[in-house]
N, C-alpha and C. Protein backbone atom coordinates (compact mmCIF):
# COMPACT_ATOMS: atom_id res chain seq x y z
N MET A 1 76.51 23.44 101.25
CA MET A 1 76.92 23.83 102.71
C MET A 1 78.36 23.28 102.93
N ASN A 2 79.20 24.17 103.29
CA ASN A 2 80.65 23.72 103.52
C ASN A 2 80.86 23.36 104.96
N LEU A 3 81.98 22.82 105.26
CA LEU A 3 82.22 22.30 106.63
C LEU A 3 82.16 23.35 107.75
N LEU A 4 82.54 24.60 107.49
CA LEU A 4 82.40 25.61 108.43
C LEU A 4 81.05 25.94 108.81
N GLU A 5 79.98 25.94 107.82
CA GLU A 5 78.70 26.19 108.05
C GLU A 5 78.03 24.90 108.93
N VAL A 6 78.45 23.66 108.63
CA VAL A 6 78.01 22.55 109.23
C VAL A 6 78.48 22.62 110.76
N GLN A 7 79.71 23.12 111.09
CA GLN A 7 80.20 23.19 112.39
C GLN A 7 79.44 24.21 113.18
N VAL A 8 79.21 25.44 112.51
CA VAL A 8 78.40 26.41 113.16
C VAL A 8 76.98 25.95 113.56
N LEU A 9 76.36 25.29 112.53
CA LEU A 9 75.09 24.76 112.83
C LEU A 9 75.04 23.80 113.93
N LEU A 10 75.92 22.82 113.99
CA LEU A 10 76.08 21.79 115.13
C LEU A 10 76.29 22.60 116.42
N GLN A 11 77.15 23.51 116.49
CA GLN A 11 77.39 24.26 117.76
C GLN A 11 76.17 25.03 118.02
N SER A 12 75.41 25.65 117.22
CA SER A 12 74.15 26.32 117.52
C SER A 12 73.19 25.34 118.14
N ILE A 13 73.05 24.13 117.42
CA ILE A 13 72.15 23.17 117.98
C ILE A 13 72.53 22.77 119.41
N SER A 14 73.72 22.41 119.72
CA SER A 14 74.19 22.02 121.02
C SER A 14 73.99 23.21 122.02
N SER A 15 74.28 24.42 121.59
CA SER A 15 74.09 25.54 122.50
C SER A 15 72.61 25.71 122.83
N PHE A 16 71.74 25.53 121.88
CA PHE A 16 70.36 25.62 122.31
C PHE A 16 69.97 24.48 123.18
N ALA A 17 70.44 23.25 123.04
CA ALA A 17 70.10 22.15 123.81
C ALA A 17 70.55 22.33 125.23
N ILE A 18 71.77 22.94 125.44
CA ILE A 18 72.34 23.23 126.73
C ILE A 18 71.43 24.32 127.32
N ALA A 19 71.07 25.37 126.67
CA ALA A 19 70.25 26.35 127.21
C ALA A 19 68.83 25.80 127.56
N GLY A 20 68.31 24.91 126.68
CA GLY A 20 67.10 24.33 127.08
C GLY A 20 67.11 23.43 128.29
N GLY A 21 68.37 22.75 128.54
CA GLY A 21 68.51 21.93 129.62
C GLY A 21 68.58 22.68 131.00
N LEU A 22 69.27 23.83 130.79
CA LEU A 22 69.27 24.72 131.92
C LEU A 22 67.93 25.29 132.37
N ILE A 23 67.15 25.61 131.29
CA ILE A 23 65.89 26.12 131.65
C ILE A 23 64.96 25.12 132.22
N PHE A 24 64.97 23.86 131.63
CA PHE A 24 64.25 22.79 132.19
C PHE A 24 64.64 22.51 133.67
N GLY A 25 65.96 22.51 133.94
CA GLY A 25 66.50 22.18 135.25
C GLY A 25 66.11 23.28 136.23
N ALA A 26 65.99 24.50 135.82
CA ALA A 26 65.44 25.63 136.79
C ALA A 26 64.00 25.39 137.02
N TYR A 27 63.31 25.01 136.03
CA TYR A 27 61.83 24.78 136.16
C TYR A 27 61.60 23.62 137.19
N GLN A 28 62.37 22.55 137.04
CA GLN A 28 62.22 21.43 137.97
C GLN A 28 62.69 21.75 139.40
N PHE A 29 63.60 22.52 139.51
CA PHE A 29 64.20 22.97 140.73
C PHE A 29 62.96 23.85 141.50
N MET A 30 62.46 24.68 140.73
CA MET A 30 61.15 25.58 141.20
C MET A 30 60.23 24.60 141.73
N HIS A 31 59.77 23.56 141.08
CA HIS A 31 58.70 22.65 141.57
C HIS A 31 59.17 21.84 142.72
N LEU A 32 60.47 21.45 142.69
CA LEU A 32 61.01 20.70 143.88
C LEU A 32 60.91 21.65 145.12
N ARG A 33 61.18 22.91 144.95
CA ARG A 33 61.24 23.81 146.13
C ARG A 33 59.80 23.91 146.68
N LYS A 34 58.81 24.15 145.69
CA LYS A 34 57.38 24.25 146.02
C LYS A 34 57.00 22.97 146.82
N SER A 35 57.34 21.81 146.30
CA SER A 35 56.99 20.56 146.87
C SER A 35 57.58 20.45 148.35
N GLN A 36 58.79 21.00 148.50
CA GLN A 36 59.41 20.87 149.73
C GLN A 36 58.65 21.85 150.80
N GLN A 37 58.33 23.05 150.32
CA GLN A 37 57.43 23.99 151.06
C GLN A 37 56.27 23.43 151.66
N VAL A 38 55.51 22.73 150.71
CA VAL A 38 54.25 22.07 151.04
C VAL A 38 54.49 20.88 152.05
N ALA A 39 55.56 20.22 151.81
CA ALA A 39 55.84 19.11 152.81
C ALA A 39 56.15 19.63 154.19
N ASN A 40 56.95 20.71 154.23
CA ASN A 40 57.32 21.39 155.56
C ASN A 40 56.06 22.00 156.27
N PHE A 41 55.27 22.57 155.37
CA PHE A 41 53.99 23.23 156.08
C PHE A 41 53.19 22.12 156.46
N THR A 42 52.98 21.03 155.78
CA THR A 42 52.24 19.82 156.14
C THR A 42 52.68 19.21 157.51
N LYS A 43 54.01 19.00 157.60
CA LYS A 43 54.54 18.50 158.73
C LYS A 43 54.28 19.40 159.99
N LEU A 44 54.37 20.56 159.78
CA LEU A 44 54.14 21.61 161.07
C LEU A 44 52.63 21.48 161.45
N VAL A 45 51.84 21.46 160.36
CA VAL A 45 50.36 21.47 160.75
C VAL A 45 49.99 20.03 161.43
N GLU A 46 50.66 19.06 160.96
CA GLU A 46 50.47 17.62 161.51
C GLU A 46 50.94 17.63 162.96
N MET A 47 52.05 18.25 163.27
CA MET A 47 52.41 18.26 164.63
C MET A 47 51.52 19.13 165.59
N GLN A 48 51.09 20.19 165.06
CA GLN A 48 49.95 20.96 165.68
C GLN A 48 48.80 20.18 165.90
N MET A 49 48.37 19.36 164.85
CA MET A 49 47.22 18.53 165.02
C MET A 49 47.39 17.53 166.04
N HIS A 50 48.50 16.94 166.20
CA HIS A 50 48.79 15.90 167.28
C HIS A 50 48.54 16.47 168.64
N LEU A 51 48.98 17.76 168.78
CA LEU A 51 48.69 18.45 170.10
C LEU A 51 47.20 18.61 170.38
N ARG A 52 46.53 18.92 169.27
CA ARG A 52 45.12 19.05 169.43
C ARG A 52 44.35 17.75 169.68
N GLU A 53 44.95 16.68 169.07
CA GLU A 53 44.40 15.28 169.18
C GLU A 53 44.46 14.89 170.65
N ARG A 54 45.68 15.24 171.34
CA ARG A 54 45.84 14.87 172.69
C ARG A 54 44.78 15.53 173.62
N ARG A 55 44.32 16.71 173.22
CA ARG A 55 43.29 17.29 173.99
C ARG A 55 41.91 16.81 173.80
N VAL A 56 41.64 16.19 172.62
CA VAL A 56 40.48 15.51 172.28
C VAL A 56 40.40 14.22 173.17
N LYS A 57 41.52 13.51 173.26
CA LYS A 57 41.55 12.30 174.14
C LYS A 57 41.46 12.59 175.53
N ASP A 58 42.22 13.67 176.03
CA ASP A 58 42.26 14.06 177.47
C ASP A 58 41.94 15.51 177.54
N PRO A 59 40.71 15.77 177.73
CA PRO A 59 40.34 17.27 177.81
C PRO A 59 41.08 18.00 178.94
N ASP A 60 41.47 17.29 179.95
CA ASP A 60 42.28 17.94 181.05
C ASP A 60 43.54 18.70 180.57
N LEU A 61 44.11 18.04 179.48
CA LEU A 61 45.18 18.84 178.97
C LEU A 61 44.97 20.21 178.28
N ALA A 62 43.71 20.43 177.99
CA ALA A 62 43.30 21.62 177.40
C ALA A 62 43.52 22.81 178.38
N HIS A 63 43.47 22.53 179.75
CA HIS A 63 43.60 23.47 180.70
C HIS A 63 44.92 23.95 180.97
N VAL A 64 45.90 23.39 180.20
CA VAL A 64 47.38 23.81 180.41
C VAL A 64 47.39 25.27 179.84
N PHE A 65 46.81 25.61 178.82
CA PHE A 65 46.62 26.96 178.40
C PHE A 65 45.22 27.46 178.59
N ARG A 66 44.99 28.22 179.59
CA ARG A 66 43.77 28.60 180.11
C ARG A 66 42.91 29.40 179.07
N ASP A 67 43.70 30.10 178.12
CA ASP A 67 42.90 30.90 177.06
C ASP A 67 42.23 29.87 176.15
N ASP A 68 42.74 28.64 175.99
CA ASP A 68 42.14 27.65 175.08
C ASP A 68 40.75 27.19 175.57
N VAL A 69 40.50 27.35 176.77
CA VAL A 69 39.24 26.79 177.38
C VAL A 69 38.45 27.84 178.10
N ARG A 70 38.72 29.02 177.80
CA ARG A 70 37.98 30.13 178.49
C ARG A 70 36.47 30.03 178.38
N ASP A 71 35.92 29.76 177.36
CA ASP A 71 34.46 29.59 177.16
C ASP A 71 33.99 28.22 177.19
N LEU A 72 34.77 27.37 177.55
CA LEU A 72 34.30 25.87 177.45
C LEU A 72 33.90 25.36 178.77
N THR A 73 32.82 24.81 178.96
CA THR A 73 32.34 24.39 180.30
C THR A 73 32.28 22.93 180.51
N SER A 74 32.56 22.08 179.53
CA SER A 74 32.53 20.64 179.78
C SER A 74 33.62 19.95 178.92
N ASP A 75 33.86 18.63 179.32
CA ASP A 75 34.85 17.84 178.61
C ASP A 75 34.20 17.71 176.97
N ARG A 76 32.99 17.62 176.91
CA ARG A 76 32.54 17.52 175.52
C ARG A 76 32.79 18.73 174.73
N GLU A 77 32.54 19.87 175.22
CA GLU A 77 32.78 21.07 174.56
C GLU A 77 34.36 21.29 174.25
N VAL A 78 35.19 20.74 175.07
CA VAL A 78 36.64 20.78 174.96
C VAL A 78 36.92 19.88 173.64
N ARG A 79 36.29 18.66 173.67
CA ARG A 79 36.49 17.76 172.65
C ARG A 79 36.00 18.30 171.30
N GLU A 80 34.84 18.84 171.27
CA GLU A 80 34.22 19.47 170.06
C GLU A 80 35.10 20.49 169.63
N TYR A 81 35.58 21.35 170.40
CA TYR A 81 36.46 22.46 170.10
C TYR A 81 37.70 21.95 169.41
N PHE A 82 38.40 21.09 170.03
CA PHE A 82 39.68 20.65 169.44
C PHE A 82 39.44 19.71 168.24
N PHE A 83 38.38 18.97 168.22
CA PHE A 83 38.06 18.14 167.00
C PHE A 83 37.94 19.06 165.85
N SER A 84 37.16 20.10 166.04
CA SER A 84 36.88 21.04 164.99
C SER A 84 38.15 21.72 164.50
N LEU A 85 39.05 21.95 165.50
CA LEU A 85 40.42 22.61 165.01
C LEU A 85 41.15 21.56 164.23
N MET A 86 41.11 20.30 164.65
CA MET A 86 41.71 19.24 163.88
C MET A 86 41.30 19.19 162.46
N GLN A 87 39.87 19.18 162.29
CA GLN A 87 39.34 19.24 160.91
C GLN A 87 39.86 20.44 160.15
N LEU A 88 39.95 21.59 160.78
CA LEU A 88 40.42 22.82 160.17
C LEU A 88 41.95 22.64 159.80
N SER A 89 42.68 21.98 160.50
CA SER A 89 44.00 21.72 160.25
C SER A 89 44.35 20.96 158.95
N VAL A 90 43.36 19.93 158.71
CA VAL A 90 43.43 19.14 157.62
C VAL A 90 43.19 20.08 156.40
N TYR A 91 42.15 20.71 156.48
CA TYR A 91 41.68 21.69 155.50
C TYR A 91 42.87 22.80 155.21
N GLU A 92 43.51 23.17 156.24
CA GLU A 92 44.61 24.21 155.97
C GLU A 92 45.69 23.54 155.03
N ILE A 93 45.96 22.29 155.29
CA ILE A 93 47.02 21.72 154.44
C ILE A 93 46.50 21.57 152.99
N VAL A 94 45.29 21.29 152.76
CA VAL A 94 44.57 21.31 151.44
C VAL A 94 44.67 22.69 150.81
N TRP A 95 44.30 23.70 151.62
CA TRP A 95 44.32 25.12 151.13
C TRP A 95 45.67 25.41 150.85
N PHE A 96 46.78 25.18 151.62
CA PHE A 96 48.08 25.66 151.26
C PHE A 96 48.59 24.97 150.06
N ALA A 97 48.36 23.65 149.99
CA ALA A 97 48.80 22.97 148.68
C ALA A 97 48.04 23.49 147.51
N ASN A 98 46.79 23.83 147.56
CA ASN A 98 46.21 24.45 146.40
C ASN A 98 46.72 25.71 146.09
N LYS A 99 47.01 26.56 147.21
CA LYS A 99 47.59 27.97 146.94
C LYS A 99 48.96 27.81 146.25
N GLN A 100 49.67 26.78 146.51
CA GLN A 100 51.01 26.51 145.90
C GLN A 100 50.85 25.77 144.46
N LYS A 101 49.61 25.61 144.09
CA LYS A 101 49.37 24.86 142.76
C LYS A 101 49.84 23.50 142.70
N MET A 102 49.75 22.86 143.84
CA MET A 102 50.23 21.41 143.94
C MET A 102 49.09 20.45 144.13
N LEU A 103 47.83 20.89 143.91
CA LEU A 103 46.63 20.06 143.99
C LEU A 103 45.79 20.50 142.71
N PRO A 104 45.07 19.55 142.15
CA PRO A 104 44.16 19.85 141.03
C PRO A 104 43.00 20.69 141.68
N GLU A 105 42.62 21.75 140.95
CA GLU A 105 41.61 22.60 141.27
C GLU A 105 40.27 21.84 141.71
N GLY A 106 39.88 20.80 140.89
CA GLY A 106 38.75 20.08 141.16
C GLY A 106 38.68 19.44 142.59
N TYR A 107 39.94 18.90 142.98
CA TYR A 107 40.03 18.29 144.40
C TYR A 107 39.88 19.36 145.38
N PHE A 108 40.54 20.53 145.28
CA PHE A 108 40.31 21.59 146.24
C PHE A 108 38.89 22.01 146.30
N GLU A 109 38.24 22.17 145.25
CA GLU A 109 36.81 22.60 145.22
C GLU A 109 35.90 21.51 146.01
N SER A 110 36.17 20.31 145.82
CA SER A 110 35.46 19.36 146.61
C SER A 110 35.68 19.51 148.08
N TRP A 111 36.80 19.84 148.48
CA TRP A 111 37.04 20.16 149.93
C TRP A 111 36.29 21.38 150.38
N ALA A 112 36.45 22.41 149.54
CA ALA A 112 35.77 23.66 149.93
C ALA A 112 34.25 23.45 150.07
N LYS A 113 33.70 22.60 149.22
CA LYS A 113 32.24 22.47 149.20
C LYS A 113 31.90 21.75 150.61
N ARG A 114 32.68 20.72 150.94
CA ARG A 114 32.50 19.94 152.24
C ARG A 114 32.70 20.87 153.38
N MET A 115 33.70 21.77 153.43
CA MET A 115 34.04 22.55 154.52
C MET A 115 32.88 23.63 154.63
N ARG A 116 32.09 23.94 153.69
CA ARG A 116 30.98 24.84 153.93
C ARG A 116 29.93 24.11 154.73
N VAL A 117 29.83 22.83 154.50
CA VAL A 117 28.87 22.01 155.36
C VAL A 117 29.30 21.95 156.72
N ILE A 118 30.68 21.78 156.94
CA ILE A 118 31.29 21.82 158.30
C ILE A 118 31.05 23.16 158.84
N ALA A 119 31.30 24.25 158.14
CA ALA A 119 31.22 25.53 158.72
C ALA A 119 29.87 25.94 159.10
N ALA A 120 28.80 25.20 158.67
CA ALA A 120 27.49 25.45 159.11
C ALA A 120 27.18 24.85 160.47
N GLU A 121 27.97 23.93 160.91
CA GLU A 121 27.79 23.20 162.19
C GLU A 121 27.98 24.18 163.45
N PRO A 122 27.09 24.05 164.30
CA PRO A 122 27.22 24.91 165.51
C PRO A 122 28.56 24.78 166.30
N ALA A 123 29.08 23.48 166.41
CA ALA A 123 30.26 23.35 167.14
C ALA A 123 31.43 23.91 166.44
N PHE A 124 31.48 23.85 165.04
CA PHE A 124 32.52 24.48 164.35
C PHE A 124 32.49 26.01 164.43
N ARG A 125 31.32 26.58 164.40
CA ARG A 125 31.14 28.07 164.39
C ARG A 125 31.54 28.53 165.82
N LYS A 126 31.18 27.82 166.91
CA LYS A 126 31.59 28.21 168.26
C LYS A 126 33.19 28.18 168.24
N MET A 127 33.71 27.16 167.71
CA MET A 127 35.25 27.21 167.75
C MET A 127 35.89 28.29 167.09
N ILE A 128 35.44 28.64 165.87
CA ILE A 128 35.94 29.66 165.02
C ILE A 128 35.66 31.05 165.58
N ASN A 129 34.63 31.16 166.24
CA ASN A 129 34.17 32.48 166.91
C ASN A 129 34.80 32.68 168.30
N SER A 130 35.43 31.67 168.84
CA SER A 130 35.99 31.70 170.13
C SER A 130 37.12 32.61 170.14
N PRO A 131 37.38 33.51 171.17
CA PRO A 131 38.56 34.33 171.23
C PRO A 131 39.75 33.66 171.50
N SER A 132 39.81 32.40 171.77
CA SER A 132 41.01 31.65 172.01
C SER A 132 41.96 31.67 170.84
N MET A 133 43.22 31.54 170.97
CA MET A 133 44.16 31.76 169.92
C MET A 133 44.03 30.48 169.11
N LYS A 134 44.16 30.61 167.82
CA LYS A 134 44.21 29.53 166.81
C LYS A 134 45.41 29.74 165.98
N ILE A 135 46.35 28.78 166.01
CA ILE A 135 47.57 29.10 165.11
C ILE A 135 47.28 28.60 163.80
N MET A 136 47.21 29.57 162.83
CA MET A 136 46.89 29.30 161.48
C MET A 136 47.69 30.32 160.60
N HIS A 137 47.81 29.94 159.26
CA HIS A 137 48.34 30.89 158.35
C HIS A 137 47.32 32.12 158.25
N ASP A 138 47.82 33.33 158.43
CA ASP A 138 46.95 34.53 158.46
C ASP A 138 45.96 34.61 157.33
N GLU A 139 46.42 34.27 156.11
CA GLU A 139 45.58 34.32 154.95
C GLU A 139 44.51 33.34 154.97
N PHE A 140 44.88 32.08 155.51
CA PHE A 140 43.91 30.99 155.64
C PHE A 140 42.86 31.42 156.76
N GLN A 141 43.24 32.07 157.77
CA GLN A 141 42.26 32.49 158.86
C GLN A 141 41.34 33.47 158.27
N GLN A 142 41.73 34.35 157.55
CA GLN A 142 40.75 35.29 156.87
C GLN A 142 39.77 34.58 155.80
N TYR A 143 40.37 33.67 155.16
CA TYR A 143 39.64 32.88 154.17
C TYR A 143 38.46 32.05 154.95
N VAL A 144 38.89 31.39 156.13
CA VAL A 144 37.97 30.55 156.85
C VAL A 144 36.92 31.51 157.50
N THR A 145 37.32 32.63 158.01
CA THR A 145 36.40 33.55 158.58
C THR A 145 35.30 34.10 157.56
N GLU A 146 35.73 34.21 156.32
CA GLU A 146 34.85 34.57 155.27
C GLU A 146 33.85 33.43 154.92
N VAL A 147 34.36 32.25 154.90
CA VAL A 147 33.57 30.99 154.56
C VAL A 147 32.44 31.00 155.64
N VAL A 148 32.86 31.03 156.88
CA VAL A 148 31.84 30.98 158.02
C VAL A 148 30.88 31.99 157.85
N ARG A 149 31.32 33.34 157.61
CA ARG A 149 30.50 34.46 157.54
C ARG A 149 29.39 34.29 156.48
N SER A 150 29.85 33.71 155.33
CA SER A 150 28.96 33.61 154.23
C SER A 150 28.11 32.31 154.15
N THR A 151 28.24 31.41 155.23
CA THR A 151 27.52 30.15 155.36
C THR A 151 26.46 30.32 156.42
N GLU A 152 25.32 29.91 156.10
CA GLU A 152 24.24 29.86 157.11
C GLU A 152 24.47 28.77 158.06
N VAL A 153 23.98 29.03 159.33
CA VAL A 153 24.19 27.94 160.41
C VAL A 153 23.08 26.76 160.03
N ALA A 154 23.66 25.56 160.22
CA ALA A 154 22.86 24.38 160.03
C ALA A 154 21.64 24.26 161.02
N LYS A 155 20.56 23.96 160.49
CA LYS A 155 19.34 23.73 161.42
C LYS A 155 19.33 22.40 162.00
N SER A 156 18.99 22.34 163.17
CA SER A 156 18.98 21.12 163.84
C SER A 156 17.77 20.19 163.37
N THR A 157 18.06 18.89 163.39
CA THR A 157 16.97 18.05 162.98
C THR A 157 16.16 17.36 163.99
């Protein structure tokens, strides 16, 4: 092997190393972007959950938006409604992180299993079937509606 062949070989190796570094950098940037999207989504849902939490603590605040309490007749019902929405908010974060492939599938499945138990509860079903507006990701709302539809109502003990 002469000097020219050695130079060409070394230049090829360094070119492949640079190309590999660029590909790896792009891959890392893609994951960083996904992480930031999940973090932004989580923050928005958390802010929404704090508004719901205020209504659980002080049901009179629920009357600010009349549509939210249209079919609710007591402070207990207001609290149950917004508490159920808060539970749903946490699950929405888990669902979105899973959709972005940022959670292990087994972790999401354990949440999905627990949410089926919650979806069987009458208070949760009343909340989800209420005509009041619920701010959720459209695809998540369809998913939850299907979970509730395919889950039997829990029997009282």
